[in-house]
Amino acid sequence: MPELVWQRPSFVDDTHGEYLEVAVGPEGMVHIRQNTHPDRIVSTTPAKWEAWVKGVKAGEFDHFVD
């Protein structure tokens, strides 16, 4: 896998435990990993990522958080 530039949430700092990081590869695939297990990467297509982000913005996953 090529060198990726990982983005983490803006509210995260060194005091937070676990969080997700996202990177877009040169081929356009979206890669997701957990900061505590950076060697475990899940990859998805741009279309699937866009659908998921739209669902988050629409509140479809709000029941997973407090």
C-alpha atoms as a PDB file:
ATOM      1  CA  MET A   1       0.000   0.000   0.000  1.00  0.00           C
ATOM      2  CA  PRO A   2       1.392   3.439  -0.875  1.00  0.00           C
ATOM      3  CA  GLU A   3       2.204   6.004   1.788  1.00  0.00           C
ATOM      4  CA  LEU A   4      -1.093   7.546   2.888  1.00  0.00           C
ATOM      5  CA  VAL A   5      -1.817  10.850   4.581  1.00  0.00           C
ATOM      6  CA  TRP A   6      -4.142   9.999   7.473  1.00  0.00           C
ATOM      7  CA  GLN A   7      -6.696  12.497   8.743  1.00  0.00           C
ATOM      8  CA  ARG A   8      -8.104  12.301  12.244  1.00  0.00           C
ATOM      9  CA  PRO A   9     -11.030  14.201  13.774  1.00  0.00           C
ATOM     10  CA  SER A  10     -10.209  17.809  14.600  1.00  0.00           C
ATOM     11  CA  PHE A  11     -11.369  17.423  18.219  1.00  0.00           C
ATOM     12  CA  VAL A  12      -8.903  14.597  18.888  1.00  0.00           C
ATOM     13  CA  ASP A  13      -5.665  15.191  20.740  1.00  0.00           C
ATOM     14  CA  ASP A  14      -3.231  12.992  22.642  1.00  0.00           C
ATOM     15  CA  THR A  15      -5.651  12.667  25.586  1.00  0.00           C
ATOM     16  CA  HIS A  16      -8.237  10.750  23.529  1.00  0.00           C
ATOM     17  CA  GLY A  17      -7.998   6.993  23.533  1.00  0.00           C
ATOM     18  CA  GLU A  18      -9.416   5.465  20.390  1.00  0.00           C
ATOM     19  CA  TYR A  19     -10.557   7.155  17.214  1.00  0.00           C
ATOM     20  CA  LEU A  20     -10.729   6.525  13.478  1.00  0.00           C
ATOM     21  CA  GLU A  21      -8.436   7.957  10.832  1.00  0.00           C
ATOM     22  CA  VAL A  22      -9.262   8.246   7.132  1.00  0.00           C
ATOM     23  CA  ALA A  23      -7.045   8.542   4.052  1.00  0.00           C
ATOM     24  CA  VAL A  24      -7.709   8.632   0.323  1.00  0.00           C
ATOM     25  CA  GLY A  25      -5.273   6.653  -1.773  1.00  0.00           C
ATOM     26  CA  PRO A  26      -3.898   7.718  -5.144  1.00  0.00           C
ATOM     27  CA  GLU A  27      -6.365   5.367  -6.831  1.00  0.00           C
ATOM     28  CA  GLY A  28      -9.311   7.094  -5.099  1.00  0.00           C
ATOM     29  CA  MET A  29     -10.076   4.297  -2.651  1.00  0.00           C
ATOM     30  CA  VAL A  30     -10.948   5.415   0.881  1.00  0.00           C
ATOM     31  CA  HIS A  31      -8.968   3.763   3.679  1.00  0.00           C
ATOM     32  CA  ILE A  32     -10.064   3.694   7.329  1.00  0.00           C
ATOM     33  CA  ARG A  33      -8.106   2.580  10.375  1.00  0.00           C
ATOM     34  CA  GLN A  34      -8.273   2.775  14.151  1.00  0.00           C
ATOM     35  CA  ASN A  35      -5.419   4.712  15.725  1.00  0.00           C
ATOM     36  CA  THR A  36      -4.705   1.920  18.208  1.00  0.00           C
ATOM     37  CA  HIS A  37      -4.399  -0.683  15.410  1.00  0.00           C
ATOM     38  CA  PRO A  38      -2.902   1.221  12.457  1.00  0.00           C
ATOM     39  CA  ASP A  39      -1.938  -1.985  10.662  1.00  0.00           C
ATOM     40  CA  ARG A  40      -5.606  -3.016  10.282  1.00  0.00           C
ATOM     41  CA  ILE A  41      -6.965  -1.022   7.359  1.00  0.00           C
ATOM     42  CA  VAL A  42     -10.426  -1.248   5.833  1.00  0.00           C
ATOM     43  CA  SER A  43     -10.789   0.036   2.273  1.00  0.00           C
ATOM     44  CA  THR A  44     -13.923   1.077   0.421  1.00  0.00           C
ATOM     45  CA  THR A  45     -14.917   2.747  -2.816  1.00  0.00           C
ATOM     46  CA  PRO A  46     -15.530   6.482  -3.065  1.00  0.00           C
ATOM     47  CA  ALA A  47     -19.222   5.814  -3.837  1.00  0.00           C
ATOM     48  CA  LYS A  48     -19.738   3.704  -0.711  1.00  0.00           C
ATOM     49  CA  TRP A  49     -17.876   6.264   1.423  1.00  0.00           C
ATOM     50  CA  GLU A  50     -20.040   9.072   0.040  1.00  0.00           C
ATOM     51  CA  ALA A  51     -23.228   7.118   0.808  1.00  0.00           C
ATOM     52  CA  TRP A  52     -22.062   6.473   4.369  1.00  0.00           C
ATOM     53  CA  VAL A  53     -21.085  10.106   4.977  1.00  0.00           C
ATOM     54  CA  LYS A  54     -24.481  11.253   3.679  1.00  0.00           C
ATOM     55  CA  GLY A  55     -26.131   8.811   6.096  1.00  0.00           C
ATOM     56  CA  VAL A  56     -24.109  10.210   8.997  1.00  0.00           C
ATOM     57  CA  LYS A  57     -25.041  13.765   8.047  1.00  0.00           C
ATOM     58  CA  ALA A  58     -28.708  12.756   7.817  1.00  0.00           C
ATOM     59  CA  GLY A  59     -28.621  11.319  11.349  1.00  0.00           C
ATOM     60  CA  GLU A  60     -29.130   7.704  10.288  1.00  0.00           C
ATOM     61  CA  PHE A  61     -26.522   6.478  12.769  1.00  0.00           C
ATOM     62  CA  ASP A  62     -27.314   8.733  15.727  1.00  0.00           C
ATOM     63  CA  HIS A  63     -28.691   5.797  17.720  1.00  0.00           C
ATOM     64  CA  PHE A  64     -25.121   4.422  18.008  1.00  0.00           C
ATOM     65  CA  VAL A  65     -23.969   7.344  20.185  1.00  0.00           C
ATOM     66  CA  ASP A  66     -25.192   8.871  23.430  1.00  0.00           C
END
